[in-house]
Amino acid sequence: MIEVEVVYALPQRQQLRRLTLDDGATVADALAKAGLEELTNGNVGIFGRVVDRQQRLKDGDRIEVYRPLLADPKLARRRRAAAARRR
């Protein structure tokens, strides 16, 4: 058996679920057990590194469910810089 954490952050709160899974479990298995598979149309990662849902888990892994970006970071930075130049 292995123990992992599944983390999903919303703008106002976060969900953290600690799970015990069988050896050989995958990211998809953990998401299903956590009840988050319907929220995971985007990327998922382990400790900040994007992985495939078929990635096998190790004891202590932290699975992170990433939300889609609302704005392109480069475009947002350009807009802020342009607004600052106008001031």
PDB file of N, CA and C in Angstrom:
ATOM      1  N   MET A   1       0.842  -1.184   0.000  1.00  0.00           N
ATOM      2  CA  MET A   1       0.000   0.000   0.000  1.00  0.00           C
ATOM      3  C   MET A   1       0.887   1.248   0.000  1.00  0.00           C
ATOM      4  N   ILE A   2       0.394   2.280  -0.668  1.00  0.00           N
ATOM      5  CA  ILE A   2       1.090   3.562  -0.691  1.00  0.00           C
ATOM      6  C   ILE A   2       0.124   4.656  -0.252  1.00  0.00           C
ATOM      7  N   GLU A   3       0.676   5.735   0.264  1.00  0.00           N
ATOM      8  CA  GLU A   3      -0.122   6.895   0.652  1.00  0.00           C
ATOM      9  C   GLU A   3       0.277   8.078  -0.221  1.00  0.00           C
ATOM     10  N   VAL A   4      -0.729   8.768  -0.764  1.00  0.00           N
ATOM     11  CA  VAL A   4      -0.504   9.932  -1.621  1.00  0.00           C
ATOM     12  C   VAL A   4      -1.473  11.038  -1.213  1.00  0.00           C
ATOM     13  N   GLU A   5      -1.214  12.243  -1.706  1.00  0.00           N
ATOM     14  CA  GLU A   5      -2.124  13.373  -1.535  1.00  0.00           C
ATOM     15  C   GLU A   5      -2.592  13.817  -2.906  1.00  0.00           C
ATOM     16  N   VAL A   6      -3.860  14.215  -2.991  1.00  0.00           N
ATOM     17  CA  VAL A   6      -4.407  14.808  -4.209  1.00  0.00           C
ATOM     18  C   VAL A   6      -4.849  16.218  -3.842  1.00  0.00           C
ATOM     19  N   VAL A   7      -4.368  17.215  -4.599  1.00  0.00           N
ATOM     20  CA  VAL A   7      -4.648  18.613  -4.300  1.00  0.00           C
ATOM     21  C   VAL A   7      -5.316  19.266  -5.498  1.00  0.00           C
ATOM     22  N   TYR A   8      -6.390  20.001  -5.214  1.00  0.00           N
ATOM     23  CA  TYR A   8      -7.089  20.768  -6.244  1.00  0.00           C
ATOM     24  C   TYR A   8      -7.423  22.128  -5.652  1.00  0.00           C
ATOM     25  N   ALA A   9      -6.969  23.200  -6.275  1.00  0.00           N
ATOM     26  CA  ALA A   9      -7.180  24.542  -5.749  1.00  0.00           C
ATOM     27  C   ALA A   9      -8.183  25.301  -6.602  1.00  0.00           C
ATOM     28  N   LEU A  10      -9.154  25.893  -5.932  1.00  0.00           N
ATOM     29  CA  LEU A  10     -10.122  26.790  -6.552  1.00  0.00           C
ATOM     30  C   LEU A  10      -9.754  28.211  -6.133  1.00  0.00           C
ATOM     31  N   PRO A  11     -10.322  29.227  -6.755  1.00  0.00           N
ATOM     32  CA  PRO A  11      -9.943  30.592  -6.378  1.00  0.00           C
ATOM     33  C   PRO A  11     -10.157  30.903  -4.887  1.00  0.00           C
ATOM     34  N   GLN A  12     -11.193  30.379  -4.273  1.00  0.00           N
ATOM     35  CA  GLN A  12     -11.498  30.729  -2.891  1.00  0.00           C
ATOM     36  C   GLN A  12     -11.121  29.656  -1.876  1.00  0.00           C
ATOM     37  N   ARG A  13     -10.814  28.447  -2.320  1.00  0.00           N
ATOM     38  CA  ARG A  13     -10.477  27.377  -1.386  1.00  0.00           C
ATOM     39  C   ARG A  13      -9.683  26.289  -2.098  1.00  0.00           C
ATOM     40  N   GLN A  14      -9.151  25.382  -1.296  1.00  0.00           N
ATOM     41  CA  GLN A  14      -8.441  24.248  -1.878  1.00  0.00           C
ATOM     42  C   GLN A  14      -8.946  22.957  -1.257  1.00  0.00           C
ATOM     43  N   GLN A  15      -8.788  21.893  -2.008  1.00  0.00           N
ATOM     44  CA  GLN A  15      -9.144  20.570  -1.506  1.00  0.00           C
ATOM     45  C   GLN A  15      -7.875  19.742  -1.442  1.00  0.00           C
ATOM     46  N   LEU A  16      -7.667  19.093  -0.327  1.00  0.00           N
ATOM     47  CA  LEU A  16      -6.535  18.191  -0.163  1.00  0.00           C
ATOM     48  C   LEU A  16      -7.092  16.882   0.368  1.00  0.00           C
ATOM     49  N   ARG A  17      -6.809  15.816  -0.340  1.00  0.00           N
ATOM     50  CA  ARG A  17      -7.299  14.502   0.073  1.00  0.00           C
ATOM     51  C   ARG A  17      -6.119  13.559   0.192  1.00  0.00           C
ATOM     52  N   ARG A  18      -6.014  12.924   1.338  1.00  0.00           N
ATOM     53  CA  ARG A  18      -4.989  11.898   1.550  1.00  0.00           C
ATOM     54  C   ARG A  18      -5.627  10.540   1.257  1.00  0.00           C
ATOM     55  N   LEU A  19      -4.934   9.756   0.444  1.00  0.00           N
ATOM     56  CA  LEU A  19      -5.472   8.476   0.015  1.00  0.00           C
ATOM     57  C   LEU A  19      -4.483   7.355   0.271  1.00  0.00           C
ATOM     58  N   THR A  20      -5.006   6.184   0.507  1.00  0.00           N
ATOM     59  CA  THR A  20      -4.210   4.963   0.563  1.00  0.00           C
ATOM     60  C   THR A  20      -4.619   4.120  -0.635  1.00  0.00           C
ATOM     61  N   LEU A  21      -3.636   3.769  -1.447  1.00  0.00           N
ATOM     62  CA  LEU A  21      -3.875   3.022  -2.683  1.00  0.00           C
ATOM     63  C   LEU A  21      -2.997   1.783  -2.725  1.00  0.00           C
ATOM     64  N   ASP A  22      -3.361   0.863  -3.593  1.00  0.00           N
ATOM     65  CA  ASP A  22      -2.548  -0.335  -3.801  1.00  0.00           C
ATOM     66  C   ASP A  22      -1.259   0.027  -4.530  1.00  0.00           C
ATOM     67  N   ASP A  23      -0.211  -0.754  -4.287  1.00  0.00           N
ATOM     68  CA  ASP A  23       1.021  -0.588  -5.067  1.00  0.00           C
ATOM     69  C   ASP A  23       0.688  -0.719  -6.541  1.00  0.00           C
ATOM     70  N   GLY A  24       1.317   0.082  -7.371  1.00  0.00           N
ATOM     71  CA  GLY A  24       1.064   0.038  -8.808  1.00  0.00           C
ATOM     72  C   GLY A  24      -0.078   0.934  -9.248  1.00  0.00           C
ATOM     73  N   ALA A  25      -0.687   1.673  -8.321  1.00  0.00           N
ATOM     74  CA  ALA A  25      -1.777   2.584  -8.679  1.00  0.00           C
ATOM     75  C   ALA A  25      -1.252   3.716  -9.551  1.00  0.00           C
ATOM     76  N   THR A  26      -2.133   4.256 -10.380  1.00  0.00           N
ATOM     77  CA  THR A  26      -1.770   5.341 -11.291  1.00  0.00           C
ATOM     78  C   THR A  26      -2.405   6.650 -10.833  1.00  0.00           C
ATOM     79  N   VAL A  27      -2.015   7.724 -11.489  1.00  0.00           N
ATOM     80  CA  VAL A  27      -2.620   9.025 -11.224  1.00  0.00           C
ATOM     81  C   VAL A  27      -4.124   8.955 -11.463  1.00  0.00           C
ATOM     82  N   ALA A  28      -4.543   8.297 -12.530  1.00  0.00           N
ATOM     83  CA  ALA A  28      -5.970   8.162 -12.836  1.00  0.00           C
ATOM     84  C   ALA A  28      -6.708   7.439 -11.710  1.00  0.00           C
ATOM     85  N   ASP A  29      -6.089   6.429 -11.136  1.00  0.00           N
ATOM     86  CA  ASP A  29      -6.697   5.704 -10.010  1.00  0.00           C
ATOM     87  C   ASP A  29      -6.907   6.635  -8.823  1.00  0.00           C
ATOM     88  N   ALA A  30      -5.905   7.450  -8.530  1.00  0.00           N
ATOM     89  CA  ALA A  30      -5.996   8.374  -7.401  1.00  0.00           C
ATOM     90  C   ALA A  30      -7.075   9.423  -7.635  1.00  0.00           C
ATOM     91  N   LEU A  31      -7.164   9.942  -8.847  1.00  0.00           N
ATOM     92  CA  LEU A  31      -8.187  10.948  -9.150  1.00  0.00           C
ATOM     93  C   LEU A  31      -9.581  10.346  -9.023  1.00  0.00           C
ATOM     94  N   ALA A  32      -9.740   9.116  -9.464  1.00  0.00           N
ATOM     95  CA  ALA A  32     -11.041   8.453  -9.362  1.00  0.00           C
ATOM     96  C   ALA A  32     -11.419   8.238  -7.900  1.00  0.00           C
ATOM     97  N   LYS A  33     -10.471   7.768  -7.100  1.00  0.00           N
ATOM     98  CA  LYS A  33     -10.755   7.524  -5.685  1.00  0.00           C
ATOM     99  C   LYS A  33     -11.049   8.828  -4.943  1.00  0.00           C
ATOM    100  N   ALA A  34     -10.406   9.925  -5.359  1.00  0.00           N
ATOM    101  CA  ALA A  34     -10.626  11.228  -4.728  1.00  0.00           C
ATOM    102  C   ALA A  34     -11.926  11.876  -5.207  1.00  0.00           C
ATOM    103  N   GLY A  35     -12.534  11.316  -6.263  1.00  0.00           N
ATOM    104  CA  GLY A  35     -13.764  11.895  -6.798  1.00  0.00           C
ATOM    105  C   GLY A  35     -13.529  13.135  -7.620  1.00  0.00           C
ATOM    106  N   LEU A  36     -12.324  13.282  -8.176  1.00  0.00           N
ATOM    107  CA  LEU A  36     -11.978  14.484  -8.944  1.00  0.00           C
ATOM    108  C   LEU A  36     -11.802  14.211 -10.434  1.00  0.00           C
ATOM    109  N   GLU A  37     -12.105  13.015 -10.904  1.00  0.00           N
ATOM    110  CA  GLU A  37     -11.853  12.716 -12.317  1.00  0.00           C
ATOM    111  C   GLU A  37     -12.654  13.604 -13.253  1.00  0.00           C
ATOM    112  N   GLU A  38     -13.835  14.086 -12.837  1.00  0.00           N
ATOM    113  CA  GLU A  38     -14.638  14.955 -13.701  1.00  0.00           C
ATOM    114  C   GLU A  38     -14.050  16.362 -13.800  1.00  0.00           C
ATOM    115  N   LEU A  39     -13.160  16.726 -12.874  1.00  0.00           N
ATOM    116  CA  LEU A  39     -12.557  18.066 -12.879  1.00  0.00           C
ATOM    117  C   LEU A  39     -11.239  18.112 -13.625  1.00  0.00           C
ATOM    118  N   THR A  40     -10.802  17.011 -14.142  1.00  0.00           N
ATOM    119  CA  THR A  40      -9.436  16.938 -14.633  1.00  0.00           C
ATOM    120  C   THR A  40      -9.347  16.879 -16.150  1.00  0.00           C
ATOM    121  N   ASN A  41      -9.986  17.808 -16.821  1.00  0.00           N
ATOM    122  CA  ASN A  41      -9.837  17.885 -18.274  1.00  0.00           C
ATOM    123  C   ASN A  41      -8.482  18.450 -18.650  1.00  0.00           C
ATOM    124  N   GLY A  42      -7.872  19.181 -17.737  1.00  0.00           N
ATOM    125  CA  GLY A  42      -6.577  19.788 -17.997  1.00  0.00           C
ATOM    126  C   GLY A  42      -5.439  18.894 -17.544  1.00  0.00           C
ATOM    127  N   ASN A  43      -4.324  19.508 -17.269  1.00  0.00           N
ATOM    128  CA  ASN A  43      -3.124  18.786 -16.880  1.00  0.00           C
ATOM    129  C   ASN A  43      -3.149  18.409 -15.405  1.00  0.00           C
ATOM    130  N   VAL A  44      -2.402  17.392 -15.090  1.00  0.00           N
ATOM    131  CA  VAL A  44      -2.151  16.995 -13.712  1.00  0.00           C
ATOM    132  C   VAL A  44      -0.648  16.830 -13.561  1.00  0.00           C
ATOM    133  N   GLY A  45      -0.175  16.949 -12.343  1.00  0.00           N
ATOM    134  CA  GLY A  45       1.255  16.822 -12.120  1.00  0.00           C
ATOM    135  C   GLY A  45       1.550  16.183 -10.784  1.00  0.00           C
ATOM    136  N   ILE A  46       2.814  15.844 -10.607  1.00  0.00           N
ATOM    137  CA  ILE A  46       3.316  15.345  -9.331  1.00  0.00           C
ATOM    138  C   ILE A  46       4.443  16.278  -8.928  1.00  0.00           C
ATOM    139  N   PHE A  47       4.259  16.940  -7.786  1.00  0.00           N
ATOM    140  CA  PHE A  47       5.239  17.904  -7.275  1.00  0.00           C
ATOM    141  C   PHE A  47       5.643  18.927  -8.345  1.00  0.00           C
ATOM    142  N   GLY A  48       4.658  19.491  -9.060  1.00  0.00           N
ATOM    143  CA  GLY A  48       4.914  20.574  -9.997  1.00  0.00           C
ATOM    144  C   GLY A  48       5.387  20.151 -11.376  1.00  0.00           C
ATOM    145  N   ARG A  49       5.483  18.866 -11.635  1.00  0.00           N
ATOM    146  CA  ARG A  49       5.921  18.379 -12.942  1.00  0.00           C
ATOM    147  C   ARG A  49       4.747  17.679 -13.617  1.00  0.00           C
ATOM    148  N   VAL A  50       4.352  18.156 -14.793  1.00  0.00           N
ATOM    149  CA  VAL A  50       3.214  17.587 -15.513  1.00  0.00           C
ATOM    150  C   VAL A  50       3.516  16.134 -15.875  1.00  0.00           C
ATOM    151  N   VAL A  51       2.528  15.267 -15.595  1.00  0.00           N
ATOM    152  CA  VAL A  51       2.678  13.835 -15.881  1.00  0.00           C
ATOM    153  C   VAL A  51       1.434  13.321 -16.586  1.00  0.00           C
ATOM    154  N   ASP A  52       1.559  12.151 -17.170  1.00  0.00           N
ATOM    155  CA  ASP A  52       0.446  11.468 -17.809  1.00  0.00           C
ATOM    156  C   ASP A  52      -0.405  10.804 -16.729  1.00  0.00           C
ATOM    157  N   ARG A  53      -1.678  10.662 -17.002  1.00  0.00           N
ATOM    158  CA  ARG A  53      -2.574  10.036 -16.025  1.00  0.00           C
ATOM    159  C   ARG A  53      -2.256   8.558 -15.781  1.00  0.00           C
ATOM    160  N   GLN A  54      -1.501   7.951 -16.659  1.00  0.00           N
ATOM    161  CA  GLN A  54      -1.121   6.547 -16.474  1.00  0.00           C
ATOM    162  C   GLN A  54       0.198   6.397 -15.710  1.00  0.00           C
ATOM    163  N   GLN A  55       0.748   7.513 -15.255  1.00  0.00           N
ATOM    164  CA  GLN A  55       1.978   7.493 -14.449  1.00  0.00           C
ATOM    165  C   GLN A  55       1.737   6.705 -13.164  1.00  0.00           C
ATOM    166  N   ARG A  56       2.609   5.762 -12.875  1.00  0.00           N
ATOM    167  CA  ARG A  56       2.505   4.991 -11.628  1.00  0.00           C
ATOM    168  C   ARG A  56       2.966   5.859 -10.468  1.00  0.00           C
ATOM    169  N   LEU A  57       2.298   5.700  -9.351  1.00  0.00           N
ATOM    170  CA  LEU A  57       2.576   6.519  -8.175  1.00  0.00           C
ATOM    171  C   LEU A  57       3.555   5.835  -7.231  1.00  0.00           C
ATOM    172  N   LYS A  58       4.262   6.686  -6.470  1.00  0.00           N
ATOM    173  CA  LYS A  58       5.151   6.205  -5.417  1.00  0.00           C
ATOM    174  C   LYS A  58       4.611   6.713  -4.088  1.00  0.00           C
ATOM    175  N   ASP A  59       4.983   6.056  -3.034  1.00  0.00           N
ATOM    176  CA  ASP A  59       4.558   6.461  -1.703  1.00  0.00           C
ATOM    177  C   ASP A  59       4.995   7.901  -1.440  1.00  0.00           C
ATOM    178  N   GLY A  60       4.056   8.730  -0.973  1.00  0.00           N
ATOM    179  CA  GLY A  60       4.359  10.118  -0.645  1.00  0.00           C
ATOM    180  C   GLY A  60       4.152  11.105  -1.778  1.00  0.00           C
ATOM    181  N   ASP A  61       3.769  10.656  -2.968  1.00  0.00           N
ATOM    182  CA  ASP A  61       3.552  11.578  -4.095  1.00  0.00           C
ATOM    183  C   ASP A  61       2.422  12.549  -3.784  1.00  0.00           C
ATOM    184  N   ARG A  62       2.551  13.751  -4.326  1.00  0.00           N
ATOM    185  CA  ARG A  62       1.523  14.797  -4.212  1.00  0.00           C
ATOM    186  C   ARG A  62       1.017  15.067  -5.625  1.00  0.00           C
ATOM    187  N   ILE A  63      -0.214  14.660  -5.899  1.00  0.00           N
ATOM    188  CA  ILE A  63      -0.810  14.837  -7.218  1.00  0.00           C
ATOM    189  C   ILE A  63      -1.527  16.174  -7.235  1.00  0.00           C
ATOM    190  N   GLU A  64      -1.206  16.998  -8.204  1.00  0.00           N
ATOM    191  CA  GLU A  64      -1.782  18.335  -8.317  1.00  0.00           C
ATOM    192  C   GLU A  64      -2.647  18.414  -9.565  1.00  0.00           C
ATOM    193  N   VAL A  65      -3.876  18.885  -9.401  1.00  0.00           N
ATOM    194  CA  VAL A  65      -4.809  19.051 -10.513  1.00  0.00           C
ATOM    195  C   VAL A  65      -4.737  20.519 -10.924  1.00  0.00           C
ATOM    196  N   TYR A  66      -4.330  20.772 -12.149  1.00  0.00           N
ATOM    197  CA  TYR A  66      -4.153  22.139 -12.629  1.00  0.00           C
ATOM    198  C   TYR A  66      -5.400  22.627 -13.352  1.00  0.00           C
ATOM    199  N   ARG A  67      -5.813  23.852 -13.017  1.00  0.00           N
ATOM    200  CA  ARG A  67      -6.946  24.477 -13.701  1.00  0.00           C
ATOM    201  C   ARG A  67      -6.428  25.185 -14.952  1.00  0.00           C
ATOM    202  N   PRO A  68      -7.281  25.344 -15.951  1.00  0.00           N
ATOM    203  CA  PRO A  68      -6.851  26.095 -17.143  1.00  0.00           C
ATOM    204  C   PRO A  68      -6.621  27.558 -16.784  1.00  0.00           C
ATOM    205  N   LEU A  69      -5.681  28.173 -17.476  1.00  0.00           N
ATOM    206  CA  LEU A  69      -5.408  29.591 -17.251  1.00  0.00           C
ATOM    207  C   LEU A  69      -6.550  30.434 -17.793  1.00  0.00           C
ATOM    208  N   LEU A  70      -6.899  31.494 -17.069  1.00  0.00           N
ATOM    209  CA  LEU A  70      -7.949  32.394 -17.531  1.00  0.00           C
ATOM    210  C   LEU A  70      -7.428  33.388 -18.558  1.00  0.00           C
ATOM    211  N   ALA A  71      -6.142  33.669 -18.482  1.00  0.00           N
ATOM    212  CA  ALA A  71      -5.524  34.604 -19.421  1.00  0.00           C
ATOM    213  C   ALA A  71      -4.111  34.127 -19.725  1.00  0.00           C
ATOM    214  N   ASP A  72      -3.649  34.433 -20.916  1.00  0.00           N
ATOM    215  CA  ASP A  72      -2.283  34.106 -21.290  1.00  0.00           C
ATOM    216  C   ASP A  72      -1.335  34.984 -20.469  1.00  0.00           C
ATOM    217  N   PRO A  73      -0.421  34.415 -19.696  1.00  0.00           N
ATOM    218  CA  PRO A  73       0.458  35.217 -18.845  1.00  0.00           C
ATOM    219  C   PRO A  73       1.283  36.245 -19.612  1.00  0.00           C
ATOM    220  N   LYS A  74       1.751  35.889 -20.802  1.00  0.00           N
ATOM    221  CA  LYS A  74       2.551  36.844 -21.586  1.00  0.00           C
ATOM    222  C   LYS A  74       1.705  38.030 -22.019  1.00  0.00           C
ATOM    223  N   LEU A  75       0.491  37.750 -22.473  1.00  0.00           N
ATOM    224  CA  LEU A  75      -0.398  38.821 -22.909  1.00  0.00           C
ATOM    225  C   LEU A  75      -0.786  39.711 -21.729  1.00  0.00           C
ATOM    226  N   ALA A  76      -1.062  39.127 -20.592  1.00  0.00           N
ATOM    227  CA  ALA A  76      -1.418  39.912 -19.404  1.00  0.00           C
ATOM    228  C   ALA A  76      -0.261  40.816 -18.990  1.00  0.00           C
ATOM    229  N   ARG A  77       0.964  40.298 -19.042  1.00  0.00           N
ATOM    230  CA  ARG A  77       2.137  41.109 -18.680  1.00  0.00           C
ATOM    231  C   ARG A  77       2.309  42.268 -19.656  1.00  0.00           C
ATOM    232  N   ARG A  78       2.106  42.012 -20.941  1.00  0.00           N
ATOM    233  CA  ARG A  78       2.216  43.095 -21.940  1.00  0.00           C
ATOM    234  C   ARG A  78       1.175  44.181 -21.682  1.00  0.00           C
ATOM    235  N   ARG A  79      -0.037  43.777 -21.340  1.00  0.00           N
ATOM    236  CA  ARG A  79      -1.095  44.755 -21.053  1.00  0.00           C
ATOM    237  C   ARG A  79      -0.758  45.586 -19.820  1.00  0.00           C
ATOM    238  N   ARG A  80      -0.228  44.945 -18.779  1.00  0.00           N
ATOM    239  CA  ARG A  80       0.160  45.695 -17.577  1.00  0.00           C
ATOM    240  C   ARG A  80       1.288  46.673 -17.887  1.00  0.00           C
ATOM    241  N   ALA A  81       2.252  46.242 -18.683  1.00  0.00           N
ATOM    242  CA  ALA A  81       3.370  47.121 -19.046  1.00  0.00           C
ATOM    243  C   ALA A  81       2.883  48.305 -19.875  1.00  0.00           C
ATOM    244  N   ALA A  82       1.976  48.051 -20.799  1.00  0.00           N
ATOM    245  CA  ALA A  82       1.429  49.135 -21.625  1.00  0.00           C
ATOM    246  C   ALA A  82       0.640  50.112 -20.759  1.00  0.00           C
ATOM    247  N   ALA A  83      -0.124  49.617 -19.808  1.00  0.00           N
ATOM    248  CA  ALA A  83      -0.889  50.501 -18.920  1.00  0.00           C
ATOM    249  C   ALA A  83       0.044  51.326 -18.058  1.00  0.00           C
ATOM    250  N   ALA A  84       1.145  50.739 -17.605  1.00  0.00           N
ATOM    251  CA  ALA A  84       2.110  51.467 -16.771  1.00  0.00           C
ATOM    252  C   ALA A  84       2.808  52.563 -17.574  1.00  0.00           C
ATOM    253  N   ARG A  85       3.067  52.310 -18.867  1.00  0.00           N
ATOM    254  CA  ARG A  85       3.704  53.331 -19.712  1.00  0.00           C
ATOM    255  C   ARG A  85       2.759  54.513 -19.940  1.00  0.00           C
ATOM    256  N   ARG A  86       1.449  54.234 -20.000  1.00  0.00           N
ATOM    257  CA  ARG A  86       0.487  55.316 -20.226  1.00  0.00           C
ATOM    258  C   ARG A  86       0.349  56.222 -19.009  1.00  0.00           C
ATOM    259  N   ARG A  87       0.679  55.727 -17.836  1.00  0.00           N
ATOM    260  CA  ARG A  87       0.535  56.546 -16.617  1.00  0.00           C
ATOM    261  C   ARG A  87       1.617  57.522 -16.452  1.00  0.00           C
TER     262      ARG A  87
END
